[in-house]
N, C-alpha and C. Protein backbone atom coordinates (compact mmCIF):
# COMPACT_ATOMS: atom_id res chain seq x y z
N MET A 1 9.89 193.78 31.98
CA MET A 1 9.59 192.51 31.99
C MET A 1 9.10 192.00 31.07
N PRO A 2 9.81 190.40 30.76
CA PRO A 2 8.74 190.67 29.03
C PRO A 2 7.31 189.99 29.21
N GLU A 3 6.89 190.15 28.08
CA GLU A 3 5.33 190.58 27.95
C GLU A 3 5.16 188.92 27.92
N ALA A 4 3.96 188.64 28.94
CA ALA A 4 3.29 187.29 29.13
C ALA A 4 2.87 186.50 28.11
N ALA A 5 2.95 185.25 27.98
CA ALA A 5 2.98 184.62 26.71
C ALA A 5 1.58 183.85 26.61
N TRP A 6 0.52 184.35 27.04
CA TRP A 6 -0.72 183.74 27.31
C TRP A 6 -1.43 184.23 26.17
N PRO A 7 -2.05 183.15 25.40
CA PRO A 7 -2.71 183.44 24.25
C PRO A 7 -3.83 184.54 24.29
N VAL A 8 -4.17 185.33 23.16
CA VAL A 8 -5.65 186.23 23.89
C VAL A 8 -6.70 185.56 22.68
N PHE A 9 -7.68 185.40 23.19
CA PHE A 9 -8.94 184.96 22.24
C PHE A 9 -10.24 186.09 22.02
N ARG A 10 -10.52 186.46 21.04
CA ARG A 10 -10.87 187.61 20.78
C ARG A 10 -12.35 186.88 19.87
N VAL A 11 -13.85 186.62 20.99
CA VAL A 11 -14.54 185.94 20.81
C VAL A 11 -15.56 186.52 20.17
N GLU A 12 -15.81 187.06 19.11
CA GLU A 12 -17.41 187.48 19.07
C GLU A 12 -19.00 186.88 18.92
N SER A 13 -19.40 188.04 19.94
CA SER A 13 -20.86 187.14 19.67
C SER A 13 -21.99 188.36 20.28
N ASP A 14 -22.78 187.58 20.29
CA ASP A 14 -24.11 188.45 20.92
C ASP A 14 -24.67 187.96 21.76
N LEU A 15 -25.28 189.73 22.83
CA LEU A 15 -25.49 189.02 23.91
C LEU A 15 -27.15 188.43 23.40
N ARG A 16 -27.42 187.64 24.59
CA ARG A 16 -28.50 186.74 24.57
C ARG A 16 -29.26 187.69 25.25
N THR A 17 -30.73 187.76 24.79
CA THR A 17 -31.98 188.59 25.48
C THR A 17 -32.81 187.34 26.41
N THR A 18 -33.03 186.99 26.97
CA THR A 18 -34.53 186.46 27.53
C THR A 18 -35.50 187.40 27.76
N LYS A 19 -36.52 186.70 27.12
CA LYS A 19 -37.63 187.24 27.08
C LYS A 19 -38.82 186.83 28.00
N THR A 20 -39.43 187.82 28.66
CA THR A 20 -40.14 187.98 30.04
C THR A 20 -41.62 188.64 29.89
N LEU A 21 -42.09 187.91 31.03
CA LEU A 21 -43.37 188.71 31.43
C LEU A 21 -43.13 190.07 32.09
N ASP A 22 -43.70 191.03 31.56
CA ASP A 22 -43.29 192.25 32.68
C ASP A 22 -44.39 191.97 33.86
N TYR A 23 -44.38 193.53 34.46
CA TYR A 23 -45.00 193.66 35.34
C TYR A 23 -46.50 193.69 35.49
N GLN A 24 -46.81 194.40 34.25
CA GLN A 24 -48.01 194.42 33.91
C GLN A 24 -48.90 193.31 33.34
N ASP A 25 -48.20 192.52 32.85
CA ASP A 25 -48.93 191.09 32.53
C ASP A 25 -49.34 190.26 34.25
N ALA A 26 -48.12 190.64 35.08
CA ALA A 26 -47.97 189.94 36.35
C ALA A 26 -49.40 190.38 36.73
N ALA A 27 -49.39 191.66 36.99
CA ALA A 27 -50.25 192.24 38.06
C ALA A 27 -51.45 191.52 37.11
N ARG A 28 -51.94 191.95 36.05
CA ARG A 28 -52.79 191.23 34.52
C ARG A 28 -53.39 190.13 35.42
N ILE A 29 -52.04 188.88 35.60
CA ILE A 29 -53.16 187.72 35.78
C ILE A 29 -53.39 187.18 37.34
N VAL A 30 -52.53 188.35 38.35
CA VAL A 30 -52.95 188.19 40.01
C VAL A 30 -54.39 188.61 39.99
N ASN A 31 -54.54 189.68 39.36
CA ASN A 31 -55.75 190.41 39.29
C ASN A 31 -56.90 189.47 38.94
N GLU A 32 -57.22 189.04 37.49
CA GLU A 32 -57.99 187.72 37.07
C GLU A 32 -57.86 186.67 37.78
N ILE A 33 -57.34 186.03 38.71
CA ILE A 33 -57.33 184.83 39.51
C ILE A 33 -58.09 185.41 40.78
N LEU A 34 -57.52 186.27 41.23
CA LEU A 34 -58.34 186.99 42.34
C LEU A 34 -59.86 186.92 42.27
N GLY A 35 -60.03 187.87 41.04
CA GLY A 35 -61.11 187.89 40.56
C GLY A 35 -61.94 186.49 40.80
N GLU A 36 -61.33 185.27 39.91
CA GLU A 36 -62.28 184.65 39.69
C GLU A 36 -62.00 183.66 41.20
N ALA A 37 -61.35 183.49 41.94
CA ALA A 37 -61.68 183.10 43.45
C ALA A 37 -62.50 183.54 44.11
N ALA A 38 -62.80 184.60 43.88
CA ALA A 38 -63.86 186.09 44.80
C ALA A 38 -65.28 185.34 44.49
N LYS A 39 -65.07 184.89 43.26
CA LYS A 39 -66.51 184.41 42.52
C LYS A 39 -66.75 182.99 42.78
N LEU A 40 -65.56 182.17 43.00
CA LEU A 40 -66.04 180.79 43.53
C LEU A 40 -66.48 181.30 45.06
N ALA A 41 -66.32 181.91 45.84
CA ALA A 41 -66.68 182.83 46.99
C ALA A 41 -65.37 181.61 48.22
N ASN A 42 -64.30 181.65 47.51
CA ASN A 42 -63.00 181.08 47.90
C ASN A 42 -61.90 182.07 48.36
N THR A 43 -60.57 181.79 48.57
CA THR A 43 -59.41 182.53 48.57
C THR A 43 -58.49 181.74 48.51
N ALA A 44 -57.37 182.79 47.79
CA ALA A 44 -56.15 181.65 47.21
C ALA A 44 -54.91 182.88 47.29
N VAL A 45 -53.72 182.04 47.02
CA VAL A 45 -52.66 182.55 47.12
C VAL A 45 -52.10 182.59 45.55
N VAL A 46 -51.63 183.75 45.25
CA VAL A 46 -50.66 183.71 43.60
C VAL A 46 -49.57 184.03 43.50
N ALA A 47 -48.68 183.64 42.70
CA ALA A 47 -47.38 183.74 42.07
C ALA A 47 -47.60 184.27 41.17
N VAL A 48 -46.43 184.79 40.25
CA VAL A 48 -46.04 185.15 38.61
C VAL A 48 -44.21 185.32 39.17
N VAL A 49 -43.67 184.79 37.95
CA VAL A 49 -42.59 184.65 38.23
C VAL A 49 -41.87 184.72 36.85
N ASP A 50 -41.01 185.57 36.50
CA ASP A 50 -40.02 185.08 35.36
C ASP A 50 -39.26 184.33 34.95
N PRO A 51 -38.80 183.69 33.65
CA PRO A 51 -38.30 182.28 33.54
C PRO A 51 -37.45 181.64 34.40
N HIS A 52 -36.76 182.09 34.92
CA HIS A 52 -35.68 182.04 35.97
C HIS A 52 -36.25 181.36 37.28
N GLY A 53 -37.67 181.84 37.09
CA GLY A 53 -38.08 181.50 38.91
C GLY A 53 -38.37 182.54 39.89
N GLU A 54 -38.12 183.48 39.48
CA GLU A 54 -37.90 184.69 40.40
C GLU A 54 -39.09 185.80 40.59
N LEU A 55 -39.38 185.87 41.37
CA LEU A 55 -41.21 186.69 41.51
C LEU A 55 -40.87 188.07 41.28
N ILE A 56 -42.12 188.28 40.09
CA ILE A 56 -42.62 189.18 39.57
C ILE A 56 -43.62 190.21 40.39
N ALA A 57 -45.16 189.04 40.81
CA ALA A 57 -46.00 189.93 41.52
C ALA A 57 -46.64 188.45 42.09
N PHE A 58 -47.04 188.94 43.39
CA PHE A 58 -47.20 188.04 44.25
C PHE A 58 -49.05 188.57 45.03
N ALA A 59 -49.67 187.94 45.25
CA ALA A 59 -50.81 188.29 46.48
C ALA A 59 -51.49 186.91 46.98
N ARG A 60 -51.66 187.89 48.36
CA ARG A 60 -52.78 186.67 49.24
C ARG A 60 -53.72 187.05 49.38
N MET A 61 -54.40 186.30 48.94
CA MET A 61 -56.56 186.93 49.89
C MET A 61 -56.23 186.87 51.66
N ASP A 62 -57.18 187.29 51.68
CA ASP A 62 -57.67 187.65 52.93
C ASP A 62 -58.27 185.99 53.45
N GLU A 63 -57.59 185.22 54.33
CA GLU A 63 -57.90 184.53 54.97
C GLU A 63 -57.29 183.15 54.05
N ALA A 64 -56.60 183.55 53.43
CA ALA A 64 -55.66 182.48 52.41
C ALA A 64 -55.14 181.44 53.25
N PRO A 65 -54.77 180.35 53.28
CA PRO A 65 -53.85 179.63 54.02
C PRO A 65 -52.36 180.56 54.33
N VAL A 66 -51.71 180.43 54.70
CA VAL A 66 -50.69 181.09 55.63
C VAL A 66 -49.52 180.21 54.73
N SER A 67 -49.65 178.45 54.77
CA SER A 67 -48.56 177.61 54.07
C SER A 67 -49.10 177.89 52.70
N SER A 68 -49.85 178.18 52.32
CA SER A 68 -49.98 178.60 50.51
C SER A 68 -48.97 179.63 50.06
N ILE A 69 -48.87 180.46 50.80
CA ILE A 69 -47.44 181.54 50.51
C ILE A 69 -46.71 180.75 49.90
N LYS A 70 -45.32 180.50 50.81
CA LYS A 70 -44.75 179.23 50.25
C LYS A 70 -44.97 178.21 49.39
N ILE A 71 -46.30 177.93 49.57
CA ILE A 71 -46.26 176.52 48.32
C ILE A 71 -46.62 177.62 46.84
N ALA A 72 -47.49 178.50 46.31
CA ALA A 72 -47.43 178.95 45.38
C ALA A 72 -46.61 179.32 44.90
N MET A 73 -45.14 180.30 45.62
CA MET A 73 -44.29 180.84 44.86
C MET A 73 -43.29 179.86 44.93
N ASN A 74 -43.38 178.43 45.34
CA ASN A 74 -42.88 177.35 44.56
C ASN A 74 -42.75 176.74 43.88
N LYS A 75 -44.64 176.37 43.72
CA LYS A 75 -44.88 176.01 42.16
C LYS A 75 -44.73 177.06 40.69
N ALA A 76 -44.69 178.08 41.09
CA ALA A 76 -44.10 179.39 40.09
C ALA A 76 -42.99 179.19 39.77
N TYR A 77 -41.84 178.97 40.53
CA TYR A 77 -40.49 178.85 40.56
C TYR A 77 -40.06 177.26 39.77
N THR A 78 -40.99 176.32 40.34
CA THR A 78 -40.38 175.02 39.53
C THR A 78 -40.99 174.65 38.33
N ALA A 79 -42.14 175.23 37.77
CA ALA A 79 -42.93 175.18 36.50
C ALA A 79 -41.75 176.11 35.63
N ALA A 80 -41.39 177.22 36.49
CA ALA A 80 -40.17 178.52 35.48
C ALA A 80 -39.15 177.32 35.14
N ARG A 81 -38.75 176.99 36.30
CA ARG A 81 -37.36 176.19 36.22
C ARG A 81 -37.29 175.01 35.12
N GLU A 82 -38.79 174.23 35.46
CA GLU A 82 -38.43 173.04 34.64
C GLU A 82 -39.24 172.91 33.41
N ARG A 83 -39.90 173.94 32.94
CA ARG A 83 -40.38 174.12 31.92
C ARG A 83 -41.34 173.31 31.59
N LYS A 84 -42.72 173.54 32.85
CA LYS A 84 -43.36 172.03 32.34
C LYS A 84 -44.76 172.23 33.83
N SER A 85 -45.50 171.93 33.75
CA SER A 85 -46.11 171.85 34.91
C SER A 85 -46.19 171.23 35.98
N THR A 86 -46.58 171.54 37.36
CA THR A 86 -46.32 170.90 38.43
C THR A 86 -46.78 169.67 38.85
N GLU A 87 -47.77 169.87 38.24
CA GLU A 87 -48.74 168.74 37.98
C GLU A 87 -48.22 167.81 37.35
N GLU A 88 -47.26 167.68 36.10
CA GLU A 88 -46.96 167.05 35.34
C GLU A 88 -45.64 165.89 36.54
N ILE A 89 -45.06 167.23 36.74
CA ILE A 89 -43.61 167.14 37.39
C ILE A 89 -44.26 166.02 38.89
N GLY A 90 -45.30 166.30 39.31
CA GLY A 90 -46.13 165.74 40.19
C GLY A 90 -46.40 164.20 40.23
N ARG A 91 -46.94 164.14 38.98
CA ARG A 91 -47.74 162.92 38.64
C ARG A 91 -45.96 161.72 38.09
N LYS A 92 -44.96 162.34 37.74
CA LYS A 92 -43.99 161.72 37.31
C LYS A 92 -43.27 160.95 38.26
N ALA A 93 -43.47 161.93 39.87
CA ALA A 93 -42.42 161.62 40.47
C ALA A 93 -43.33 160.10 41.37
N ARG A 94 -44.85 160.51 41.25
CA ARG A 94 -45.56 159.24 42.22
C ARG A 94 -45.67 158.29 41.09
N ASP A 95 -45.13 158.05 40.25
CA ASP A 95 -45.60 157.31 39.15
C ASP A 95 -45.16 155.42 40.46
N PRO A 96 -46.04 154.52 40.10
CA PRO A 96 -45.37 153.14 40.98
C PRO A 96 -44.06 152.98 40.22
N GLU A 97 -44.17 152.87 38.91
CA GLU A 97 -43.40 151.87 38.65
C GLU A 97 -42.18 153.21 38.11
N LYS A 98 -41.83 154.44 37.68
CA LYS A 98 -40.95 154.86 37.18
C LYS A 98 -40.80 156.36 38.05
N GLY A 99 -41.16 156.02 39.04
CA GLY A 99 -41.30 157.21 39.84
C GLY A 99 -40.09 157.67 40.50
N PHE A 100 -39.93 159.14 41.33
CA PHE A 100 -38.53 159.25 41.93
C PHE A 100 -38.63 159.90 42.79
N ASP A 101 -38.07 160.48 43.87
CA ASP A 101 -37.91 160.95 44.96
C ASP A 101 -37.63 162.79 44.53
N ILE A 102 -39.14 163.58 44.12
CA ILE A 102 -38.47 165.44 43.72
C ILE A 102 -37.92 165.78 44.09
N ALA A 103 -36.26 164.96 45.58
CA ALA A 103 -35.38 165.57 46.06
C ALA A 103 -34.11 165.21 45.34
N TYR A 104 -34.48 164.66 44.04
CA TYR A 104 -33.33 164.09 42.81
C TYR A 104 -33.00 165.13 42.29
N PHE A 105 -33.79 166.64 41.96
CA PHE A 105 -33.71 167.63 41.24
C PHE A 105 -32.29 168.21 41.67
N GLY A 106 -32.54 168.11 43.02
CA GLY A 106 -31.53 169.08 43.89
C GLY A 106 -31.51 169.97 44.10
N ASP A 107 -32.84 170.28 44.27
CA ASP A 107 -33.58 171.79 44.72
C ASP A 107 -34.74 171.90 45.97
N ASP A 108 -34.59 171.78 46.76
CA ASP A 108 -35.32 172.30 48.00
C ASP A 108 -36.32 172.89 47.79
N ARG A 109 -36.65 173.68 46.54
CA ARG A 109 -37.92 174.89 46.61
C ARG A 109 -38.90 173.60 45.15
N PHE A 110 -38.39 172.87 44.62
CA PHE A 110 -39.25 171.90 43.86
C PHE A 110 -40.55 171.27 44.59
N VAL A 111 -41.14 171.42 43.75
CA VAL A 111 -42.85 170.81 44.22
C VAL A 111 -43.51 170.38 43.18
N GLY A 112 -44.77 168.92 43.74
CA GLY A 112 -44.77 168.19 42.26
C GLY A 112 -46.46 168.19 42.87
N TRP A 113 -47.02 169.78 43.66
CA TRP A 113 -48.70 169.42 43.40
C TRP A 113 -49.14 170.23 42.98
N GLY A 114 -50.06 170.11 41.78
CA GLY A 114 -50.60 170.71 40.56
C GLY A 114 -51.06 171.88 41.48
N GLY A 115 -50.71 173.18 40.15
CA GLY A 115 -50.96 174.53 39.84
C GLY A 115 -50.17 175.63 39.57
N GLY A 116 -48.77 174.95 39.25
CA GLY A 116 -47.89 175.84 38.74
C GLY A 116 -47.86 175.63 37.17
N VAL A 117 -47.96 176.69 36.58
CA VAL A 117 -47.67 176.29 35.04
C VAL A 117 -46.75 177.43 34.44
N PRO A 118 -45.77 176.79 32.95
CA PRO A 118 -45.14 177.84 32.92
C PRO A 118 -45.99 178.34 31.58
N VAL A 119 -45.73 179.75 31.43
CA VAL A 119 -46.12 180.52 30.36
C VAL A 119 -45.14 180.71 29.03
N CYS A 120 -46.34 180.69 28.13
CA CYS A 120 -45.38 180.80 26.87
C CYS A 120 -45.60 181.54 25.55
N ARG A 121 -44.89 182.34 25.29
CA ARG A 121 -45.20 183.22 24.02
C ARG A 121 -44.17 183.14 22.77
N GLY A 122 -44.19 182.50 21.62
CA GLY A 122 -43.89 182.20 20.33
C GLY A 122 -42.99 180.93 20.85
N GLY A 123 -43.48 179.61 21.57
CA GLY A 123 -42.71 179.07 22.01
C GLY A 123 -41.48 178.85 23.09
N GLN A 124 -41.55 179.81 23.82
CA GLN A 124 -40.87 180.31 24.98
C GLN A 124 -41.13 180.57 26.13
N VAL A 125 -40.70 179.87 26.89
CA VAL A 125 -41.04 179.95 28.32
C VAL A 125 -40.51 181.75 28.57
N VAL A 126 -41.64 182.03 29.25
CA VAL A 126 -41.48 183.70 29.56
C VAL A 126 -42.10 183.97 31.01
N GLY A 127 -42.46 182.80 31.91
CA GLY A 127 -42.54 182.94 32.90
C GLY A 127 -43.28 181.55 33.17
N ALA A 128 -43.99 182.04 34.58
CA ALA A 128 -44.98 180.81 34.78
C ALA A 128 -45.93 181.55 35.92
N ILE A 129 -47.11 180.59 36.55
CA ILE A 129 -48.36 181.23 37.41
C ILE A 129 -47.98 179.87 37.75
N ALA A 130 -48.66 180.60 39.58
CA ALA A 130 -48.81 179.28 40.35
C ALA A 130 -50.31 179.75 41.60
N VAL A 131 -50.97 179.27 41.44
CA VAL A 131 -52.48 179.77 42.55
C VAL A 131 -52.10 178.45 43.61
N SER A 132 -52.45 178.61 44.65
CA SER A 132 -52.49 177.89 46.02
C SER A 132 -53.37 177.83 47.09
N GLY A 133 -53.95 177.45 47.49
CA GLY A 133 -54.66 177.27 48.90
C GLY A 133 -56.48 177.35 48.29
N LEU A 134 -56.72 176.34 46.93
CA LEU A 134 -57.85 176.22 46.89
C LEU A 134 -57.77 174.60 46.51
N PRO A 135 -58.78 173.91 46.44
CA PRO A 135 -58.75 172.68 45.92
C PRO A 135 -57.50 172.32 44.78
N GLN A 136 -57.00 171.50 44.84
CA GLN A 136 -55.82 171.08 43.72
C GLN A 136 -56.36 171.03 42.35
N VAL A 137 -57.93 170.47 41.87
CA VAL A 137 -58.43 170.53 40.62
C VAL A 137 -58.35 172.22 40.37
N GLU A 138 -58.56 172.81 41.11
CA GLU A 138 -58.73 174.45 40.90
C GLU A 138 -58.01 175.49 40.74
N ASP A 139 -56.97 174.89 42.07
CA ASP A 139 -55.31 175.70 41.36
C ASP A 139 -55.25 175.52 39.94
N ILE A 140 -55.29 174.47 39.65
CA ILE A 140 -54.93 173.84 38.47
C ILE A 140 -55.62 174.72 37.02
N ARG A 141 -56.58 174.59 37.64
CA ARG A 141 -57.80 174.96 36.56
C ARG A 141 -57.18 176.66 35.94
N LEU A 142 -57.47 176.93 36.95
CA LEU A 142 -57.43 178.81 37.45
C LEU A 142 -55.43 179.29 36.81
N ALA A 143 -54.67 178.48 37.25
CA ALA A 143 -52.85 178.57 36.31
C ALA A 143 -53.24 178.72 34.75
N ASN A 144 -54.04 177.38 34.77
CA ASN A 144 -53.92 177.13 33.12
C ASN A 144 -54.63 178.58 32.28
N TRP A 145 -56.07 178.59 32.89
CA TRP A 145 -57.20 179.61 32.45
C TRP A 145 -56.01 181.08 32.73
N ALA A 146 -55.43 181.44 33.35
CA ALA A 146 -54.33 182.54 33.10
C ALA A 146 -53.49 182.31 32.85
N ALA A 147 -52.91 181.97 32.29
CA ALA A 147 -51.71 181.31 31.59
C ALA A 147 -52.43 181.59 29.66
N GLY A 148 -53.40 181.45 29.75
CA GLY A 148 -53.84 181.37 28.25
C GLY A 148 -54.40 182.94 28.46
N LEU A 149 -54.18 183.73 29.25
CA LEU A 149 -55.05 185.05 29.31
C LEU A 149 -53.88 186.13 28.51
N VAL A 150 -52.32 185.75 28.81
CA VAL A 150 -51.30 186.28 28.05
C VAL A 150 -49.94 185.72 27.58
N GLY A 151 -50.38 184.18 27.27
CA GLY A 151 -49.25 183.13 26.73
C GLY A 151 -49.93 182.80 24.94
N ASP A 152 -49.37 182.03 24.99
CA ASP A 152 -49.81 181.32 23.02
C ASP A 152 -50.64 180.00 23.52
């Protein structure tokens, strides 16, 4: 049988590596946020994800709202995938003139409640943090504070 006439392409390439938060960083973030929430005599849910939005560490304090479980995971997922805070995404979605239905992103996990923030190192997103279960202003404050502990 004759040899196939298909062209053979040889491409030299380097493998790409993705920098990510490791479990030690993620566990530290969770513990620091839980400690701060306890100082406020409040309960919270915390999610830490890699740059793709996949879960690395998670905790729900006793008595924290069950609904905040999925919300925290989705806030972290959104912040990682979009490389921006969920507060910013929500603000843009709710803009009276330029607003949009968040469903336009095409991902039912995307949310626009504040409290999800990307974590950057060297200008690159290495993960995201989300807090849920507290008033939104506290979710945002704690997530930003924790991002500063391990990011740029």
